[in-house]
Amino acid sequence: MTEFSRKTQLLAWLAYLIALPTSWAWLPAMVGDDGKQVAKVAYVAIMLVTALPLPWVTCGGLLKWLRQHPSLLNLPQKDYWLAPERTDATWTRLDGFLLRLGWMIWCLLALIHCREVAERPGAPEDQAVMPVLSATTFEIMVFVFVIVMLADVLRSTLAWRVPKAQLEAFRAQQIRDLAELAGQRSARRPPRPGQSSRGSGRGESR
């Protein structure tokens, strides 16, 4: 399912990159609500710059890079979640979160662009893409999108919290493992040059 979502999101990205420049003729010279307008070329540039890095961020590129540089991953109790027995499950969860985030961003970008095309000057109401989208309705829909995105981010953040007892047990196990490793290294360490001869010399003098 994750791989299907990734591939369809890449197809959505290609469709968006094709649709954005091909809808150039449908856009007004100044895009946006009164008092918040930008030139058409600036609008298209902003939308393209926003969209271009999205597949890398949400479809696995960023995750692959972070797996190669785990020290750059900002995650609560990172050492717990990246422990060998949990590493694969942790990256899978992060992958799912980024894919969901990507779909929400794509929906938001598509909504913004469709509205601008639908409200171009001279567009007949029966041919409008979204004739029901007044400025207020659009702002409400954007607000809902943002709330859903923030709620998903918050839910995902809370899901990374580790119960105190579980975390303490993990820390104690880390200390035991380090002590065992230190003991093994000490046992394997060869004696320093001259150490045995000095010991035997002291024995003879006594």
N, C-alpha and C. Protein backbone atom coordinates (compact mmCIF):
# COMPACT_ATOMS: atom_id res chain seq x y z
N MET A 1 0.83 -1.21 0.00
CA MET A 1 0.00 0.00 0.00
C MET A 1 0.87 1.26 0.00
N THR A 2 1.94 1.21 0.78
CA THR A 2 2.84 2.37 0.83
C THR A 2 3.49 2.63 -0.52
N GLU A 3 3.90 1.55 -1.19
CA GLU A 3 4.54 1.71 -2.50
C GLU A 3 3.54 2.24 -3.53
N PHE A 4 2.28 1.79 -3.45
CA PHE A 4 1.25 2.31 -4.35
C PHE A 4 1.02 3.80 -4.11
N SER A 5 0.97 4.19 -2.84
CA SER A 5 0.78 5.60 -2.51
C SER A 5 1.95 6.44 -3.01
N ARG A 6 3.15 5.89 -2.92
CA ARG A 6 4.33 6.62 -3.38
C ARG A 6 4.28 6.83 -4.90
N LYS A 7 3.92 5.78 -5.63
CA LYS A 7 3.89 5.88 -7.10
C LYS A 7 2.77 6.82 -7.57
N THR A 8 1.60 6.73 -6.94
CA THR A 8 0.51 7.62 -7.34
C THR A 8 0.81 9.07 -6.99
N GLN A 9 1.55 9.28 -5.90
CA GLN A 9 1.93 10.64 -5.55
C GLN A 9 2.93 11.21 -6.56
N LEU A 10 3.82 10.38 -7.06
CA LEU A 10 4.74 10.82 -8.11
C LEU A 10 3.99 11.15 -9.39
N LEU A 11 2.95 10.37 -9.71
CA LEU A 11 2.13 10.66 -10.88
C LEU A 11 1.37 11.98 -10.69
N ALA A 12 0.89 12.22 -9.47
CA ALA A 12 0.22 13.49 -9.18
C ALA A 12 1.18 14.66 -9.34
N TRP A 13 2.42 14.45 -8.96
CA TRP A 13 3.45 15.50 -9.11
C TRP A 13 3.67 15.82 -10.59
N LEU A 14 3.79 14.78 -11.43
CA LEU A 14 3.98 15.00 -12.86
C LEU A 14 2.78 15.71 -13.47
N ALA A 15 1.57 15.28 -13.07
CA ALA A 15 0.36 15.92 -13.60
C ALA A 15 0.31 17.39 -13.20
N TYR A 16 0.72 17.68 -11.98
CA TYR A 16 0.72 19.07 -11.50
C TYR A 16 1.71 19.91 -12.28
N LEU A 17 2.91 19.37 -12.52
CA LEU A 17 3.92 20.12 -13.26
C LEU A 17 3.49 20.38 -14.70
N ILE A 18 2.68 19.47 -15.25
CA ILE A 18 2.16 19.69 -16.61
C ILE A 18 1.01 20.69 -16.59
N ALA A 19 0.12 20.55 -15.60
CA ALA A 19 -1.08 21.39 -15.56
C ALA A 19 -0.76 22.85 -15.23
N LEU A 20 0.24 23.08 -14.40
CA LEU A 20 0.52 24.45 -13.97
C LEU A 20 0.91 25.37 -15.14
N PRO A 21 1.90 25.01 -15.96
CA PRO A 21 2.24 25.90 -17.08
C PRO A 21 1.19 25.90 -18.19
N THR A 22 0.50 24.77 -18.39
CA THR A 22 -0.49 24.72 -19.48
C THR A 22 -1.73 25.56 -19.15
N SER A 23 -1.93 25.87 -17.87
CA SER A 23 -3.08 26.72 -17.50
C SER A 23 -2.69 28.20 -17.47
N TRP A 24 -1.54 28.52 -17.99
CA TRP A 24 -1.06 29.91 -18.00
C TRP A 24 -2.07 30.86 -18.63
N ALA A 25 -2.64 30.48 -19.77
CA ALA A 25 -3.56 31.37 -20.50
C ALA A 25 -4.85 31.60 -19.71
N TRP A 26 -5.18 30.72 -18.77
CA TRP A 26 -6.42 30.86 -18.01
C TRP A 26 -6.27 31.75 -16.78
N LEU A 27 -5.03 32.06 -16.43
CA LEU A 27 -4.80 32.85 -15.24
C LEU A 27 -4.89 34.35 -15.55
N PRO A 28 -5.42 35.15 -14.61
CA PRO A 28 -5.42 36.60 -14.81
C PRO A 28 -4.02 37.17 -14.69
N ALA A 29 -3.85 38.40 -15.12
CA ALA A 29 -2.52 39.04 -15.05
C ALA A 29 -2.06 39.17 -13.59
N MET A 30 -3.02 39.45 -12.70
CA MET A 30 -2.72 39.53 -11.26
C MET A 30 -3.53 38.45 -10.55
N VAL A 31 -2.85 37.59 -9.83
CA VAL A 31 -3.49 36.42 -9.21
C VAL A 31 -3.64 36.66 -7.71
N GLY A 32 -4.81 36.28 -7.19
CA GLY A 32 -5.03 36.40 -5.75
C GLY A 32 -6.18 37.33 -5.43
N ASP A 33 -6.52 37.39 -4.13
CA ASP A 33 -7.59 38.27 -3.68
C ASP A 33 -7.12 39.72 -3.67
N ASP A 34 -8.07 40.62 -3.63
CA ASP A 34 -7.73 42.04 -3.59
C ASP A 34 -6.83 42.34 -2.40
N GLY A 35 -5.77 43.10 -2.67
CA GLY A 35 -4.83 43.44 -1.61
C GLY A 35 -3.78 42.38 -1.36
N LYS A 36 -3.94 41.18 -1.96
CA LYS A 36 -2.97 40.10 -1.77
C LYS A 36 -2.52 39.54 -3.12
N GLN A 37 -2.60 40.36 -4.14
CA GLN A 37 -2.32 39.87 -5.49
C GLN A 37 -0.83 39.87 -5.81
N VAL A 38 -0.45 38.93 -6.66
CA VAL A 38 0.90 38.87 -7.21
C VAL A 38 0.79 38.71 -8.72
N ALA A 39 1.83 39.09 -9.42
CA ALA A 39 1.83 38.94 -10.87
C ALA A 39 1.74 37.46 -11.24
N LYS A 40 1.16 37.20 -12.41
CA LYS A 40 0.97 35.82 -12.84
C LYS A 40 2.28 35.04 -12.88
N VAL A 41 3.33 35.65 -13.39
CA VAL A 41 4.60 34.95 -13.48
C VAL A 41 5.15 34.63 -12.09
N ALA A 42 4.94 35.53 -11.13
CA ALA A 42 5.41 35.27 -9.76
C ALA A 42 4.60 34.14 -9.13
N TYR A 43 3.30 34.12 -9.40
CA TYR A 43 2.44 33.07 -8.85
C TYR A 43 2.88 31.70 -9.36
N VAL A 44 3.08 31.58 -10.67
CA VAL A 44 3.49 30.29 -11.24
C VAL A 44 4.86 29.88 -10.71
N ALA A 45 5.77 30.84 -10.58
CA ALA A 45 7.11 30.54 -10.06
C ALA A 45 7.02 30.03 -8.63
N ILE A 46 6.20 30.69 -7.80
CA ILE A 46 6.06 30.27 -6.39
C ILE A 46 5.49 28.85 -6.31
N MET A 47 4.47 28.59 -7.11
CA MET A 47 3.85 27.26 -7.08
C MET A 47 4.81 26.18 -7.56
N LEU A 48 5.62 26.50 -8.57
CA LEU A 48 6.60 25.52 -9.07
C LEU A 48 7.70 25.27 -8.04
N VAL A 49 8.21 26.34 -7.46
CA VAL A 49 9.28 26.19 -6.46
C VAL A 49 8.78 25.40 -5.26
N THR A 50 7.52 25.61 -4.90
CA THR A 50 6.94 24.84 -3.79
C THR A 50 6.81 23.37 -4.14
N ALA A 51 6.43 23.08 -5.38
CA ALA A 51 6.14 21.71 -5.78
C ALA A 51 7.37 20.88 -6.13
N LEU A 52 8.40 21.51 -6.68
CA LEU A 52 9.54 20.75 -7.21
C LEU A 52 10.22 19.84 -6.17
N PRO A 53 10.50 20.31 -4.94
CA PRO A 53 11.19 19.41 -4.00
C PRO A 53 10.27 18.44 -3.26
N LEU A 54 8.97 18.56 -3.44
CA LEU A 54 8.04 17.74 -2.65
C LEU A 54 8.24 16.23 -2.82
N PRO A 55 8.39 15.71 -4.04
CA PRO A 55 8.57 14.26 -4.15
C PRO A 55 9.80 13.75 -3.41
N TRP A 56 10.87 14.54 -3.41
CA TRP A 56 12.07 14.12 -2.69
C TRP A 56 11.80 14.08 -1.19
N VAL A 57 11.02 15.05 -0.71
CA VAL A 57 10.73 15.12 0.73
C VAL A 57 9.78 14.03 1.16
N THR A 58 8.71 13.80 0.39
CA THR A 58 7.62 12.95 0.85
C THR A 58 7.63 11.54 0.28
N CYS A 59 8.40 11.28 -0.76
CA CYS A 59 8.34 9.97 -1.43
C CYS A 59 9.59 9.12 -1.25
N GLY A 60 10.37 9.41 -0.23
CA GLY A 60 11.47 8.51 0.10
C GLY A 60 12.86 9.10 0.00
N GLY A 61 13.05 10.17 -0.75
CA GLY A 61 14.39 10.74 -0.90
C GLY A 61 14.96 11.26 0.40
N LEU A 62 14.16 12.05 1.11
CA LEU A 62 14.60 12.59 2.40
C LEU A 62 14.86 11.47 3.39
N LEU A 63 13.98 10.47 3.40
CA LEU A 63 14.13 9.36 4.34
C LEU A 63 15.41 8.57 4.06
N LYS A 64 15.71 8.34 2.80
CA LYS A 64 16.94 7.63 2.44
C LYS A 64 18.17 8.41 2.89
N TRP A 65 18.13 9.73 2.72
CA TRP A 65 19.24 10.57 3.13
C TRP A 65 19.41 10.55 4.64
N LEU A 66 18.29 10.58 5.37
CA LEU A 66 18.36 10.55 6.83
C LEU A 66 18.87 9.19 7.34
N ARG A 67 18.56 8.12 6.63
CA ARG A 67 19.08 6.81 7.04
C ARG A 67 20.59 6.76 6.90
N GLN A 68 21.12 7.52 5.95
CA GLN A 68 22.56 7.59 5.78
C GLN A 68 23.20 8.56 6.78
N HIS A 69 22.40 9.50 7.29
CA HIS A 69 22.89 10.49 8.25
C HIS A 69 21.93 10.55 9.45
N PRO A 70 21.81 9.48 10.23
CA PRO A 70 20.83 9.44 11.32
C PRO A 70 21.05 10.50 12.39
N SER A 71 22.27 11.02 12.49
CA SER A 71 22.53 12.05 13.51
C SER A 71 21.74 13.33 13.22
N LEU A 72 21.29 13.50 11.98
CA LEU A 72 20.53 14.70 11.61
C LEU A 72 19.02 14.53 11.83
N LEU A 73 18.60 13.34 12.19
CA LEU A 73 17.18 13.09 12.43
C LEU A 73 16.77 13.69 13.77
N ASN A 74 15.74 14.53 13.73
CA ASN A 74 15.22 15.15 14.95
C ASN A 74 14.01 14.36 15.42
N LEU A 75 14.24 13.50 16.40
CA LEU A 75 13.19 12.60 16.87
C LEU A 75 13.30 12.46 18.38
N PRO A 76 12.17 12.57 19.11
CA PRO A 76 12.23 12.40 20.57
C PRO A 76 12.74 11.00 20.93
N GLN A 77 13.66 10.94 21.88
CA GLN A 77 14.23 9.66 22.32
C GLN A 77 14.76 8.87 21.12
N LYS A 78 15.56 9.55 20.31
CA LYS A 78 16.02 8.96 19.05
C LYS A 78 16.78 7.65 19.26
N ASP A 79 17.62 7.59 20.30
CA ASP A 79 18.41 6.37 20.51
C ASP A 79 17.51 5.18 20.81
N TYR A 80 16.36 5.43 21.46
CA TYR A 80 15.41 4.35 21.73
C TYR A 80 14.78 3.85 20.44
N TRP A 81 14.31 4.79 19.61
CA TRP A 81 13.60 4.41 18.39
C TRP A 81 14.52 3.86 17.31
N LEU A 82 15.81 4.21 17.38
CA LEU A 82 16.75 3.69 16.38
C LEU A 82 17.57 2.51 16.91
N ALA A 83 17.14 1.96 18.03
CA ALA A 83 17.77 0.73 18.52
C ALA A 83 17.57 -0.37 17.47
N PRO A 84 18.50 -1.30 17.33
CA PRO A 84 18.43 -2.31 16.25
C PRO A 84 17.09 -3.02 16.14
N GLU A 85 16.46 -3.33 17.27
CA GLU A 85 15.20 -4.07 17.21
C GLU A 85 14.01 -3.21 16.78
N ARG A 86 14.19 -1.88 16.75
CA ARG A 86 13.09 -0.99 16.36
C ARG A 86 13.39 -0.16 15.11
N THR A 87 14.58 -0.26 14.56
CA THR A 87 14.99 0.62 13.46
C THR A 87 14.05 0.53 12.26
N ASP A 88 13.79 -0.68 11.79
CA ASP A 88 12.97 -0.84 10.58
C ASP A 88 11.56 -0.30 10.80
N ALA A 89 10.98 -0.60 11.95
CA ALA A 89 9.62 -0.11 12.24
C ALA A 89 9.60 1.41 12.33
N THR A 90 10.66 2.01 12.85
CA THR A 90 10.73 3.47 12.98
C THR A 90 10.77 4.14 11.61
N TRP A 91 11.61 3.64 10.72
CA TRP A 91 11.69 4.23 9.37
C TRP A 91 10.39 4.02 8.61
N THR A 92 9.72 2.90 8.83
CA THR A 92 8.43 2.65 8.17
C THR A 92 7.39 3.66 8.64
N ARG A 93 7.36 3.94 9.93
CA ARG A 93 6.42 4.93 10.46
C ARG A 93 6.70 6.32 9.90
N LEU A 94 7.96 6.69 9.84
CA LEU A 94 8.32 8.00 9.28
C LEU A 94 7.94 8.08 7.81
N ASP A 95 8.12 7.00 7.09
CA ASP A 95 7.74 6.97 5.68
C ASP A 95 6.25 7.20 5.50
N GLY A 96 5.45 6.53 6.31
CA GLY A 96 4.00 6.71 6.23
C GLY A 96 3.57 8.12 6.56
N PHE A 97 4.21 8.72 7.58
CA PHE A 97 3.88 10.10 7.94
C PHE A 97 4.19 11.06 6.80
N LEU A 98 5.35 10.92 6.18
CA LEU A 98 5.73 11.82 5.09
C LEU A 98 4.82 11.65 3.88
N LEU A 99 4.39 10.42 3.61
CA LEU A 99 3.46 10.21 2.50
C LEU A 99 2.11 10.88 2.76
N ARG A 100 1.61 10.75 3.98
CA ARG A 100 0.35 11.43 4.33
C ARG A 100 0.49 12.94 4.21
N LEU A 101 1.59 13.44 4.72
CA LEU A 101 1.83 14.88 4.63
C LEU A 101 1.90 15.33 3.17
N GLY A 102 2.53 14.53 2.33
CA GLY A 102 2.62 14.86 0.92
C GLY A 102 1.26 14.95 0.26
N TRP A 103 0.37 14.01 0.55
CA TRP A 103 -0.97 14.05 -0.05
C TRP A 103 -1.75 15.28 0.41
N MET A 104 -1.61 15.65 1.66
CA MET A 104 -2.32 16.83 2.15
C MET A 104 -1.79 18.10 1.49
N ILE A 105 -0.48 18.17 1.29
CA ILE A 105 0.09 19.35 0.62
C ILE A 105 -0.36 19.41 -0.83
N TRP A 106 -0.39 18.25 -1.51
CA TRP A 106 -0.83 18.24 -2.91
C TRP A 106 -2.28 18.69 -3.03
N CYS A 107 -3.13 18.21 -2.14
CA CYS A 107 -4.54 18.62 -2.17
C CYS A 107 -4.68 20.13 -1.97
N LEU A 108 -3.87 20.67 -1.07
CA LEU A 108 -3.93 22.11 -0.81
C LEU A 108 -3.46 22.90 -2.03
N LEU A 109 -2.36 22.47 -2.66
CA LEU A 109 -1.87 23.17 -3.85
C LEU A 109 -2.88 23.09 -4.99
N ALA A 110 -3.48 21.92 -5.18
CA ALA A 110 -4.48 21.76 -6.24
C ALA A 110 -5.70 22.64 -5.99
N LEU A 111 -6.11 22.71 -4.73
CA LEU A 111 -7.27 23.55 -4.38
C LEU A 111 -6.98 25.02 -4.68
N ILE A 112 -5.80 25.48 -4.31
CA ILE A 112 -5.43 26.87 -4.57
C ILE A 112 -5.42 27.17 -6.06
N HIS A 113 -4.81 26.27 -6.84
CA HIS A 113 -4.68 26.54 -8.28
C HIS A 113 -6.03 26.46 -8.99
N CYS A 114 -6.84 25.47 -8.64
CA CYS A 114 -8.16 25.36 -9.27
C CYS A 114 -9.02 26.59 -8.99
N ARG A 115 -8.91 27.11 -7.80
CA ARG A 115 -9.68 28.31 -7.48
C ARG A 115 -9.25 29.50 -8.33
N GLU A 116 -7.95 29.67 -8.51
CA GLU A 116 -7.46 30.79 -9.31
C GLU A 116 -7.90 30.67 -10.76
N VAL A 117 -7.88 29.45 -11.28
CA VAL A 117 -8.32 29.23 -12.66
C VAL A 117 -9.83 29.45 -12.77
N ALA A 118 -10.58 28.97 -11.79
CA ALA A 118 -12.04 29.08 -11.83
C ALA A 118 -12.50 30.53 -11.74
N GLU A 119 -11.76 31.38 -11.04
CA GLU A 119 -12.18 32.75 -10.81
C GLU A 119 -11.50 33.74 -11.76
N ARG A 120 -10.98 33.24 -12.88
CA ARG A 120 -10.36 34.15 -13.84
C ARG A 120 -11.42 35.09 -14.40
N PRO A 121 -11.06 36.30 -14.73
CA PRO A 121 -12.02 37.26 -15.27
C PRO A 121 -12.65 36.74 -16.56
N GLY A 122 -13.96 36.85 -16.65
CA GLY A 122 -14.67 36.45 -17.87
C GLY A 122 -15.00 34.98 -17.94
N ALA A 123 -14.68 34.21 -16.91
CA ALA A 123 -15.00 32.78 -16.95
C ALA A 123 -16.50 32.59 -16.73
N PRO A 124 -17.20 31.92 -17.65
CA PRO A 124 -18.64 31.68 -17.46
C PRO A 124 -18.88 30.82 -16.22
N GLU A 125 -19.96 31.12 -15.51
CA GLU A 125 -20.21 30.40 -14.26
C GLU A 125 -20.43 28.91 -14.50
N ASP A 126 -21.07 28.56 -15.65
CA ASP A 126 -21.33 27.15 -15.89
C ASP A 126 -20.08 26.38 -16.32
N GLN A 127 -18.99 27.10 -16.63
CA GLN A 127 -17.75 26.45 -17.01
C GLN A 127 -16.69 26.55 -15.91
N ALA A 128 -17.02 27.21 -14.83
CA ALA A 128 -16.05 27.40 -13.76
C ALA A 128 -15.71 26.05 -13.12
N VAL A 129 -14.46 25.90 -12.76
CA VAL A 129 -14.03 24.63 -12.16
C VAL A 129 -14.64 24.47 -10.77
N MET A 130 -14.65 25.55 -10.01
CA MET A 130 -15.21 25.52 -8.67
C MET A 130 -16.06 26.77 -8.46
N PRO A 131 -17.26 26.84 -9.04
CA PRO A 131 -18.06 28.05 -8.95
C PRO A 131 -18.55 28.37 -7.55
N VAL A 132 -18.53 27.40 -6.63
CA VAL A 132 -19.07 27.64 -5.29
C VAL A 132 -18.03 28.23 -4.35
N LEU A 133 -16.80 28.34 -4.80
CA LEU A 133 -15.74 28.78 -3.90
C LEU A 133 -15.67 30.30 -3.81
N SER A 134 -16.42 30.85 -2.91
CA SER A 134 -16.26 32.26 -2.60
C SER A 134 -14.99 32.43 -1.78
N ALA A 135 -14.59 33.68 -1.57
CA ALA A 135 -13.37 33.93 -0.80
C ALA A 135 -13.49 33.34 0.61
N THR A 136 -14.68 33.51 1.22
CA THR A 136 -14.88 32.99 2.59
C THR A 136 -14.82 31.47 2.60
N THR A 137 -15.50 30.83 1.63
CA THR A 137 -15.51 29.37 1.56
C THR A 137 -14.11 28.83 1.36
N PHE A 138 -13.38 29.48 0.49
CA PHE A 138 -12.00 29.05 0.22
C PHE A 138 -11.15 29.16 1.49
N GLU A 139 -11.26 30.26 2.20
CA GLU A 139 -10.47 30.44 3.42
C GLU A 139 -10.83 29.40 4.47
N ILE A 140 -12.12 29.05 4.54
CA ILE A 140 -12.55 28.01 5.49
C ILE A 140 -11.93 26.66 5.12
N MET A 141 -11.94 26.34 3.81
CA MET A 141 -11.39 25.07 3.36
C MET A 141 -9.88 25.01 3.63
N VAL A 142 -9.19 26.11 3.37
CA VAL A 142 -7.75 26.15 3.65
C VAL A 142 -7.51 25.99 5.14
N PHE A 143 -8.33 26.64 5.95
CA PHE A 143 -8.19 26.53 7.41
C PHE A 143 -8.38 25.09 7.86
N VAL A 144 -9.38 24.41 7.28
CA VAL A 144 -9.62 23.01 7.64
C VAL A 144 -8.43 22.14 7.25
N PHE A 145 -7.88 22.38 6.05
CA PHE A 145 -6.71 21.64 5.61
C PHE A 145 -5.56 21.81 6.58
N VAL A 146 -5.31 23.05 6.98
CA VAL A 146 -4.20 23.33 7.89
C VAL A 146 -4.43 22.65 9.24
N ILE A 147 -5.65 22.69 9.74
CA ILE A 147 -5.96 22.04 11.02
C ILE A 147 -5.73 20.54 10.93
N VAL A 148 -6.17 19.93 9.83
CA VAL A 148 -5.97 18.48 9.64
C VAL A 148 -4.48 18.16 9.60
N MET A 149 -3.71 18.98 8.88
CA MET A 149 -2.26 18.75 8.80
C MET A 149 -1.61 18.87 10.17
N LEU A 150 -1.97 19.92 10.91
CA LEU A 150 -1.38 20.11 12.24
C LEU A 150 -1.80 19.00 13.19
N ALA A 151 -3.05 18.54 13.07
CA ALA A 151 -3.53 17.46 13.93
C ALA A 151 -2.75 16.17 13.66
N ASP A 152 -2.46 15.90 12.39
CA ASP A 152 -1.69 14.71 12.05
C ASP A 152 -0.26 14.82 12.57
N VAL A 153 0.33 16.02 12.44
CA VAL A 153 1.68 16.23 12.96
C VAL A 153 1.70 16.04 14.48
N LEU A 154 0.70 16.60 15.17
CA LEU A 154 0.63 16.46 16.62
C LEU A 154 0.42 15.01 17.03
N ARG A 155 -0.47 14.32 16.33
CA ARG A 155 -0.72 12.90 16.64
C ARG A 155 0.55 12.08 16.45
N SER A 156 1.26 12.35 15.36
CA SER A 156 2.50 11.62 15.10
C SER A 156 3.56 11.94 16.15
N THR A 157 3.64 13.21 16.56
CA THR A 157 4.62 13.61 17.57
C THR A 157 4.34 12.91 18.90
N LEU A 158 3.07 12.88 19.32
CA LEU A 158 2.71 12.22 20.58
C LEU A 158 2.97 10.72 20.51
N ALA A 159 2.85 10.15 19.31
CA ALA A 159 3.06 8.70 19.17
C ALA A 159 4.51 8.30 19.41
N TRP A 160 5.43 9.28 19.33
CA TRP A 160 6.84 8.97 19.55
C TRP A 160 7.22 9.03 21.03
N ARG A 161 6.29 9.40 21.89
CA ARG A 161 6.61 9.45 23.32
C ARG A 161 6.76 8.03 23.85
N VAL A 162 7.74 7.86 24.73
CA VAL A 162 8.02 6.54 25.31
C VAL A 162 7.64 6.57 26.79
N PRO A 163 6.86 5.58 27.28
CA PRO A 163 6.55 5.53 28.72
C PRO A 163 7.81 5.55 29.57
N LYS A 164 7.74 6.23 30.71
CA LYS A 164 8.92 6.44 31.55
C LYS A 164 9.55 5.12 31.98
N ALA A 165 8.74 4.17 32.42
CA ALA A 165 9.28 2.89 32.88
C ALA A 165 9.99 2.15 31.74
N GLN A 166 9.40 2.21 30.56
CA GLN A 166 9.99 1.56 29.40
C GLN A 166 11.31 2.21 29.02
N LEU A 167 11.35 3.54 29.11
CA LEU A 167 12.58 4.26 28.78
C LEU A 167 13.68 3.98 29.80
N GLU A 168 13.30 3.92 31.09
CA GLU A 168 14.29 3.62 32.13
C GLU A 168 14.87 2.22 31.96
N ALA A 169 14.02 1.28 31.58
CA ALA A 169 14.51 -0.08 31.35
C ALA A 169 15.48 -0.11 30.16
N PHE A 170 15.18 0.68 29.15
CA PHE A 170 16.06 0.76 27.98
C PHE A 170 17.41 1.37 28.36
N ARG A 171 17.38 2.44 29.18
CA ARG A 171 18.63 3.08 29.61
C ARG A 171 19.47 2.11 30.46
N ALA A 172 18.80 1.37 31.34
CA ALA A 172 19.53 0.42 32.18
C ALA A 172 20.18 -0.67 31.33
N GLN A 173 19.46 -1.13 30.31
CA GLN A 173 20.02 -2.14 29.41
C GLN A 173 21.21 -1.58 28.65
N GLN A 174 21.13 -0.30 28.25
CA GLN A 174 22.26 0.35 27.57
C GLN A 174 23.50 0.34 28.47
N ILE A 175 23.32 0.68 29.75
CA ILE A 175 24.44 0.71 30.69
C ILE A 175 25.04 -0.69 30.85
N ARG A 176 24.18 -1.71 30.97
CA ARG A 176 24.69 -3.09 31.10
C ARG A 176 25.46 -3.51 29.85
N ASP A 177 24.92 -3.14 28.68
CA ASP A 177 25.61 -3.49 27.43
C ASP A 177 26.96 -2.81 27.33
N LEU A 178 27.03 -1.54 27.74
CA LEU A 178 28.31 -0.82 27.70
C LEU A 178 29.31 -1.42 28.67
N ALA A 179 28.84 -1.79 29.86
CA ALA A 179 29.74 -2.40 30.84
C ALA A 179 30.26 -3.74 30.34
N GLU A 180 29.38 -4.53 29.72
CA GLU A 180 29.80 -5.82 29.18
C GLU A 180 30.81 -5.63 28.05
N LEU A 181 30.55 -4.65 27.18
CA LEU A 181 31.47 -4.38 26.08
C LEU A 181 32.84 -3.93 26.60
N ALA A 182 32.82 -3.07 27.63
CA ALA A 182 34.08 -2.62 28.21
C ALA A 182 34.86 -3.79 28.82
N GLY A 183 34.15 -4.71 29.46
CA GLY A 183 34.80 -5.88 30.04
C GLY A 183 35.42 -6.77 28.97
N GLN A 184 34.71 -6.96 27.85
CA GLN A 184 35.23 -7.78 26.76
C GLN A 184 36.47 -7.15 26.15
N ARG A 185 36.46 -5.84 25.97
CA ARG A 185 37.62 -5.16 25.42
C ARG A 185 38.82 -5.25 26.36
N SER A 186 38.55 -5.13 27.65
CA SER A 186 39.64 -5.21 28.62
C SER A 186 40.25 -6.60 28.64
N ALA A 187 39.43 -7.63 28.49
CA ALA A 187 39.93 -9.00 28.50
C ALA A 187 40.75 -9.30 27.27
N ARG A 188 40.39 -8.70 26.14
CA ARG A 188 41.11 -8.95 24.90
C ARG A 188 42.37 -8.10 24.76
N ARG A 189 42.53 -7.09 25.60
CA ARG A 189 43.64 -6.17 25.46
C ARG A 189 44.95 -6.87 25.82
N PRO A 190 45.97 -6.87 24.94
CA PRO A 190 47.25 -7.53 25.26
C PRO A 190 48.01 -6.76 26.34
N PRO A 191 48.86 -7.45 27.11
CA PRO A 191 49.62 -6.74 28.15
C PRO A 191 50.60 -5.75 27.53
N ARG A 192 50.85 -4.66 28.23
CA ARG A 192 51.78 -3.65 27.74
C ARG A 192 53.21 -4.19 27.77
N PRO A 193 54.06 -3.76 26.85
CA PRO A 193 55.45 -4.25 26.81
C PRO A 193 56.15 -4.02 28.15
N GLY A 194 56.80 -5.07 28.65
CA GLY A 194 57.55 -4.97 29.89
C GLY A 194 56.72 -5.21 31.13
N GLN A 195 55.41 -5.32 30.97
CA GLN A 195 54.56 -5.47 32.16
C GLN A 195 54.83 -6.79 32.87
N SER A 196 54.95 -7.92 32.10
CA SER A 196 55.16 -9.22 32.73
C SER A 196 56.54 -9.32 33.35
N SER A 197 57.56 -8.74 32.67
CA SER A 197 58.92 -8.81 33.21
C SER A 197 59.04 -8.03 34.51
N ARG A 198 58.38 -6.89 34.61
CA ARG A 198 58.42 -6.12 35.85
C ARG A 198 57.76 -6.91 36.99
N GLY A 199 56.66 -7.58 36.62
CA GLY A 199 55.99 -8.38 37.64
C GLY A 199 56.88 -9.49 38.17
N SER A 200 57.61 -10.20 37.22
CA SER A 200 58.46 -11.29 37.66
C SER A 200 59.63 -10.78 38.49
N GLY A 201 60.14 -9.58 38.12
CA GLY A 201 61.26 -9.02 38.87
C GLY A 201 60.87 -8.72 40.30
N ARG A 202 59.69 -8.21 40.50
CA ARG A 202 59.23 -7.93 41.86
C ARG A 202 59.10 -9.21 42.66
N GLY A 203 58.66 -10.28 41.95
CA GLY A 203 58.53 -11.55 42.66
C GLY A 203 59.84 -12.09 43.10
N GLU A 204 60.91 -11.96 42.26
CA GLU A 204 62.21 -12.48 42.63
C GLU A 204 62.82 -11.72 43.79
N SER A 205 62.61 -10.39 43.82
CA SER A 205 63.19 -9.59 44.88
C SER A 205 62.60 -9.95 46.23
N ARG A 206 61.28 -10.32 46.21
CA ARG A 206 60.69 -10.74 47.45
C ARG A 206 61.18 -12.13 47.85
